[in-house]
Amino acid sequence: MKHLKGWLSVAVLYLLAVLPFSLAQKIGKWLGRRAYSKQGKSYKITQTNIDLCFPELDSAAKNALVEQSLIETGRLAGEMGMAWIWSPDRVIKKIRKIHDKEILTEALATGKGVILIAPHLGNWEVLGLYLSTQSPMTSMYRPPKIELMDRLIKKKRARVGSKLAPANVRGVRMAMKALKAGELLGVLPDQEADSGSGVFAPFFGQEAYSMKLLPQLAAQTGAVVISAYAKRLPNGEGFEIFFQRAPEQISDKDLLVSATAMNAAVESCVRQIPEQYQWEYKRFQHCADGSRRY
């Protein structure tokens, strides 16, 4: 069954890749609206997270953000054929503008290595492809359960020389090697950490079990930490990439201090375009008192 699912998933990606980009996004928009109308698991988790993170919004504004978030996540799904199947040059042409690129340039020029915080915001696959054209790059990732998809992801993400480091001991060694060589390490640090590998730190005013690895790497290597995201433009126009500097405390050896700074860097990006964040992740599943939220 997994093998069949793998082949079907790959077939859908290739189908999306041959469609006009705007049509692929419209299909994704339809999927997002369907997820909103069905009010299933994705809807309920998104609603819970937005209730927690935006207490200042009234119920109508929260509901509108839930709907738009699911639509944008649907658009992201529609874009995966483009991001993984198109040629790198063709994908790069969809990037219309780069904001504050000097932040990346200056960070790389230090020769200390750069840790790039990439939230699940906008289209991080487009961001990753662009970054791999700017510097030798290693990306931390969690292998998908479907083996065929894992092989496809490895092949496509590496097509311009980017290396993939799994979230295990071997991956940590790869990350350390890349940073010591003055290269770029991409990390998506905004999912709940695995048991024993995180610390509770504030995120949008809520205690979230957050990864320790990124702050530890920053403290041990002296790497420069920055953040970035690829914002989706309306009407299939493409993307704009934004860079930001991370708080200095992200390299603090006190893990609560550094994890708080890491989450603040993610939050700063998300607040720019909250509707394009993947709020359906179980970001606050485990609570500090041992209870579960979802």
Protein backbone atom coordinates (compact mmCIF):
# COMPACT_ATOMS: atom_id res chain seq x y z
CA MET A 1 0.00 0.00 0.00
CA LYS A 2 2.83 2.41 0.85
CA HIS A 3 4.44 1.63 -2.51
CA LEU A 4 1.17 2.48 -4.30
CA LYS A 5 0.79 5.71 -2.31
CA GLY A 6 4.34 6.61 -3.25
CA TRP A 7 3.72 6.18 -6.96
CA LEU A 8 0.45 8.11 -6.78
CA SER A 9 2.12 10.96 -4.89
CA VAL A 10 4.92 11.21 -7.44
CA ALA A 11 2.41 11.07 -10.32
CA VAL A 12 0.43 13.96 -8.79
CA LEU A 13 3.63 16.03 -8.46
CA TYR A 14 4.49 15.54 -12.12
CA LEU A 15 0.90 16.38 -13.12
CA LEU A 16 1.02 19.60 -11.11
CA ALA A 17 4.38 20.44 -12.69
CA VAL A 18 3.01 20.37 -16.24
CA LEU A 19 0.00 22.55 -15.42
CA PRO A 20 0.21 26.35 -15.68
CA PHE A 21 1.52 27.61 -12.35
CA SER A 22 -1.56 29.72 -11.66
CA LEU A 23 -3.83 26.73 -12.30
CA ALA A 24 -1.78 24.52 -9.94
CA GLN A 25 -2.20 27.20 -7.27
CA LYS A 26 -5.95 27.37 -7.94
CA ILE A 27 -6.21 23.61 -7.42
CA GLY A 28 -4.36 24.06 -4.16
CA LYS A 29 -6.71 26.88 -3.19
CA TRP A 30 -9.66 24.55 -3.79
CA LEU A 31 -8.06 21.93 -1.54
CA GLY A 32 -7.57 24.53 1.17
CA ARG A 33 -11.19 25.70 0.98
CA ARG A 34 -12.31 22.08 1.18
CA ALA A 35 -10.20 21.53 4.31
CA TYR A 36 -11.82 24.62 5.82
CA SER A 37 -15.38 23.59 4.96
CA LYS A 38 -14.92 20.00 6.19
CA GLN A 39 -13.60 21.25 9.55
CA GLY A 40 -11.50 18.13 10.05
CA LYS A 41 -8.19 17.65 11.86
CA SER A 42 -6.25 20.36 10.00
CA TYR A 43 -9.01 22.87 10.64
CA LYS A 44 -9.24 22.06 14.35
CA ILE A 45 -5.49 22.24 14.97
CA THR A 46 -5.22 25.47 12.99
CA GLN A 47 -8.11 26.96 14.93
CA THR A 48 -6.59 25.95 18.28
CA ASN A 49 -3.19 27.39 17.40
CA ILE A 50 -4.60 30.68 16.16
CA ASP A 51 -6.78 30.98 19.28
CA LEU A 52 -3.65 30.54 21.39
CA CYS A 53 -1.37 32.83 19.41
CA PHE A 54 -3.71 35.72 18.57
CA PRO A 55 -5.79 36.38 21.69
CA GLU A 56 -6.10 40.02 20.63
CA LEU A 57 -8.21 39.10 17.58
CA ASP A 58 -11.98 38.82 17.76
CA SER A 59 -13.69 35.60 16.68
CA ALA A 60 -14.44 36.83 13.15
CA ALA A 61 -10.82 37.84 12.55
CA LYS A 62 -9.57 34.53 13.93
CA ASN A 63 -11.94 32.58 11.72
CA ALA A 64 -10.82 34.55 8.67
CA LEU A 65 -7.18 33.79 9.50
CA VAL A 66 -7.98 30.08 9.89
CA GLU A 67 -9.63 30.03 6.47
CA GLN A 68 -6.83 31.96 4.75
CA SER A 69 -4.15 29.82 6.40
CA LEU A 70 -5.72 26.61 5.10
CA ILE A 71 -6.07 28.15 1.64
CA GLU A 72 -2.39 29.17 1.62
CA THR A 73 -1.36 25.70 2.76
CA GLY A 74 -3.41 24.32 -0.12
CA ARG A 75 -1.60 26.65 -2.50
CA LEU A 76 1.69 25.37 -1.10
CA ALA A 77 0.63 21.82 -1.96
CA GLY A 78 -0.23 22.97 -5.46
CA GLU A 79 3.25 24.48 -5.81
CA MET A 80 5.17 21.32 -4.95
CA GLY A 81 5.25 20.12 -8.55
CA MET A 82 6.90 23.40 -9.52
CA ALA A 83 9.34 23.35 -6.59
CA TRP A 84 10.49 19.75 -7.02
CA ILE A 85 10.07 18.96 -10.71
CA TRP A 86 10.82 22.17 -12.60
CA SER A 87 14.42 22.92 -13.55
CA PRO A 88 16.24 25.09 -10.99
CA ASP A 89 16.58 27.98 -13.45
CA ARG A 90 12.87 27.95 -14.13
CA VAL A 91 12.04 28.00 -10.40
CA ILE A 92 14.49 30.84 -9.73
CA LYS A 93 12.75 32.93 -12.40
CA LYS A 94 9.60 32.88 -10.23
CA ILE A 95 11.49 34.85 -7.55
CA ARG A 96 10.63 38.48 -8.28
CA LYS A 97 12.63 40.30 -5.61
CA ILE A 98 15.18 39.67 -2.84
CA HIS A 99 14.90 41.87 0.25
CA ASP A 100 17.94 42.63 2.46
CA LYS A 101 20.22 40.16 0.68
CA GLU A 102 23.20 41.89 2.30
CA ILE A 103 22.29 40.08 5.52
CA LEU A 104 23.10 36.77 3.85
CA THR A 105 26.14 38.15 2.01
CA GLU A 106 27.67 39.63 5.16
CA ALA A 107 26.99 36.47 7.18
CA LEU A 108 28.70 34.24 4.60
CA ALA A 109 31.63 36.66 4.36
CA THR A 110 32.55 36.05 8.03
CA GLY A 111 33.67 32.52 7.12
CA LYS A 112 32.20 31.23 10.39
CA GLY A 113 29.36 29.35 8.74
CA VAL A 114 25.73 30.44 8.62
CA ILE A 115 22.71 28.81 10.25
CA LEU A 116 19.61 29.77 8.30
CA ILE A 117 16.32 29.64 10.21
CA ALA A 118 13.60 28.77 7.69
CA PRO A 119 10.13 28.65 9.25
CA HIS A 120 7.30 26.70 7.65
CA LEU A 121 6.23 29.97 6.07
CA GLY A 122 5.45 30.78 2.45
CA ASN A 123 7.28 28.31 0.21
CA TRP A 124 10.45 27.10 1.93
CA GLU A 125 11.30 24.77 -0.98
CA VAL A 126 11.70 27.78 -3.25
CA LEU A 127 13.78 29.45 -0.54
CA GLY A 128 16.01 26.39 -0.17
CA LEU A 129 16.61 26.15 -3.88
CA TYR A 130 17.58 29.82 -4.07
CA LEU A 131 19.94 29.50 -1.10
CA SER A 132 21.69 26.52 -2.63
CA THR A 133 22.63 28.74 -5.57
CA GLN A 134 24.29 31.22 -3.19
CA SER A 135 26.51 28.90 -1.14
CA PRO A 136 27.31 25.23 -0.56
CA MET A 137 24.38 24.18 1.60
CA THR A 138 23.33 21.41 3.95
CA SER A 139 19.70 21.13 5.04
CA MET A 140 18.42 19.30 8.12
CA TYR A 141 15.26 17.31 7.35
CA ARG A 142 12.95 14.58 8.59
CA PRO A 143 12.68 11.77 6.01
CA PRO A 144 9.06 11.11 4.93
CA LYS A 145 7.53 7.72 5.72
CA ILE A 146 7.03 6.89 2.04
CA GLU A 147 10.37 5.66 0.67
CA LEU A 148 9.70 6.65 -2.93
CA MET A 149 8.94 10.22 -1.86
CA ASP A 150 12.12 10.27 0.23
CA ARG A 151 14.19 9.27 -2.81
CA LEU A 152 12.50 11.93 -4.94
CA ILE A 153 13.06 14.64 -2.33
CA LYS A 154 16.73 13.73 -1.95
CA LYS A 155 17.24 13.78 -5.70
CA LYS A 156 15.41 17.03 -6.35
CA ARG A 157 16.68 19.01 -3.37
CA ALA A 158 20.23 17.98 -4.22
CA ARG A 159 20.04 18.85 -7.93
CA VAL A 160 22.10 22.01 -7.44
CA GLY A 161 24.53 20.46 -4.97
CA SER A 162 22.60 20.83 -1.69
CA LYS A 163 23.18 18.06 0.88
CA LEU A 164 20.47 16.62 3.11
CA ALA A 165 21.25 15.83 6.73
CA PRO A 166 18.75 13.54 8.52
CA ALA A 167 17.67 14.44 12.04
CA ASN A 168 20.01 11.94 13.74
CA VAL A 169 23.61 11.65 14.90
CA ARG A 170 24.93 11.34 11.35
CA GLY A 171 23.01 14.45 10.36
CA VAL A 172 24.46 16.43 13.27
CA ARG A 173 27.97 15.47 12.16
CA MET A 174 27.14 16.67 8.64
CA ALA A 175 25.83 19.95 10.06
CA MET A 176 28.97 20.53 12.13
CA LYS A 177 31.19 19.79 9.13
CA ALA A 178 29.30 22.26 6.94
CA LEU A 179 29.52 25.05 9.50
CA LYS A 180 33.21 24.48 10.18
CA ALA A 181 33.77 24.79 6.42
CA GLY A 182 32.05 28.20 6.47
CA GLU A 183 29.02 26.92 4.58
CA LEU A 184 25.28 27.35 4.95
CA LEU A 185 23.11 25.13 7.14
CA GLY A 186 19.34 25.34 6.69
CA VAL A 187 17.09 24.36 9.60
CA LEU A 188 13.29 24.42 9.96
CA PRO A 189 13.10 24.74 13.77
CA ASP A 190 9.41 25.43 14.32
CA GLN A 191 8.00 21.93 14.72
CA GLU A 192 7.74 20.32 18.15
CA ALA A 193 11.04 18.71 19.11
CA ASP A 194 11.34 14.97 19.68
CA SER A 195 11.13 13.80 23.28
CA GLY A 196 14.34 14.60 25.16
CA SER A 197 15.72 16.88 22.45
CA GLY A 198 13.92 20.08 23.36
CA VAL A 199 13.20 22.69 25.99
CA PHE A 200 10.00 24.59 26.72
CA ALA A 201 10.34 28.19 25.53
CA PRO A 202 7.82 30.91 24.64
CA PHE A 203 6.44 31.16 21.10
CA PHE A 204 3.64 33.66 20.48
CA GLY A 205 3.26 33.89 24.26
CA GLN A 206 2.77 30.12 24.67
CA GLU A 207 5.19 27.54 26.05
CA ALA A 208 6.32 25.40 23.11
CA TYR A 209 8.63 22.38 23.23
CA SER A 210 11.45 23.73 21.07
CA MET A 211 14.56 22.14 19.57
CA LYS A 212 17.88 22.48 21.37
CA LEU A 213 20.01 21.51 18.37
CA LEU A 214 20.05 24.85 16.56
CA PRO A 215 21.10 26.92 19.62
CA GLN A 216 23.68 24.28 20.55
CA LEU A 217 25.19 24.37 17.06
CA ALA A 218 25.30 28.17 17.17
CA ALA A 219 27.03 28.17 20.57
CA GLN A 220 29.54 25.43 19.67
CA THR A 221 30.56 26.72 16.23
CA GLY A 222 30.19 30.50 16.49
CA ALA A 223 28.16 30.45 13.28
CA VAL A 224 26.13 33.49 12.29
CA VAL A 225 22.37 32.90 12.59
CA ILE A 226 19.89 34.60 10.25
CA SER A 227 16.34 33.84 9.12
CA ALA A 228 14.55 33.96 5.79
CA TYR A 229 11.28 33.13 4.07
CA ALA A 230 9.81 33.14 0.56
CA LYS A 231 6.54 35.07 0.49
CA ARG A 232 3.89 33.91 -1.99
CA LEU A 233 2.66 36.73 -4.22
CA PRO A 234 -0.98 36.96 -5.40
CA ASN A 235 -2.34 35.75 -8.74
CA GLY A 236 0.47 33.29 -9.45
CA GLU A 237 3.01 36.13 -9.77
CA GLY A 238 5.74 34.20 -7.94
CA PHE A 239 7.67 34.89 -4.73
CA GLU A 240 9.72 37.47 -2.86
CA ILE A 241 12.48 36.43 -0.47
CA PHE A 242 13.09 38.24 2.80
CA PHE A 243 16.15 38.00 5.09
CA GLN A 244 16.30 39.01 8.75
CA ARG A 245 19.00 39.02 11.42
CA ALA A 246 18.42 36.76 14.42
CA PRO A 247 18.69 37.95 18.04
CA GLU A 248 22.24 37.72 19.46
CA GLN A 249 20.96 35.66 22.40
CA ILE A 250 20.42 32.72 20.05
CA SER A 251 24.04 31.66 20.74
CA ASP A 252 23.67 31.86 24.52
CA LYS A 253 24.77 28.70 26.34
CA ASP A 254 21.67 28.92 28.55
CA LEU A 255 19.29 26.84 26.45
CA LEU A 256 16.17 28.60 27.71
CA VAL A 257 17.63 31.96 26.67
CA SER A 258 18.81 30.72 23.26
CA ALA A 259 15.64 28.75 22.47
CA THR A 260 13.56 31.81 23.38
CA ALA A 261 15.65 33.87 20.93
CA MET A 262 15.24 31.19 18.25
CA ASN A 263 11.46 31.22 18.66
CA ALA A 264 11.47 35.02 18.59
CA ALA A 265 13.28 34.90 15.22
CA VAL A 266 10.61 32.55 13.85
CA GLU A 267 7.79 34.65 15.31
CA SER A 268 9.22 37.82 13.77
CA CYS A 269 9.00 36.22 10.32
CA VAL A 270 5.55 34.73 10.86
CA ARG A 271 4.03 38.02 11.99
CA GLN A 272 4.87 39.52 8.60
CA ILE A 273 2.54 37.10 6.77
CA PRO A 274 0.70 34.99 9.41
CA GLU A 275 -1.77 33.67 6.82
CA GLN A 276 1.09 31.89 5.00
CA TYR A 277 2.28 30.00 8.09
CA GLN A 278 1.46 26.31 8.51
CA TRP A 279 -0.66 26.61 11.62
CA GLU A 280 -1.91 23.02 11.29
CA TYR A 281 1.30 21.65 12.81
CA LYS A 282 0.85 20.37 16.37
CA ARG A 283 3.22 23.04 17.64
CA PHE A 284 1.83 23.09 21.19
CA GLN A 285 0.90 19.43 21.58
CA HIS A 286 2.86 18.75 24.77
CA CYS A 287 2.51 21.08 27.73
CA ALA A 288 5.10 21.69 30.45
CA ASP A 289 2.83 20.02 33.04
CA GLY A 290 2.84 16.77 31.04
CA SER A 291 -0.64 17.17 29.54
CA ARG A 292 -1.44 17.16 25.80
CA ARG A 293 -3.33 19.87 24.01
CA TYR A 294 -4.56 18.11 20.83
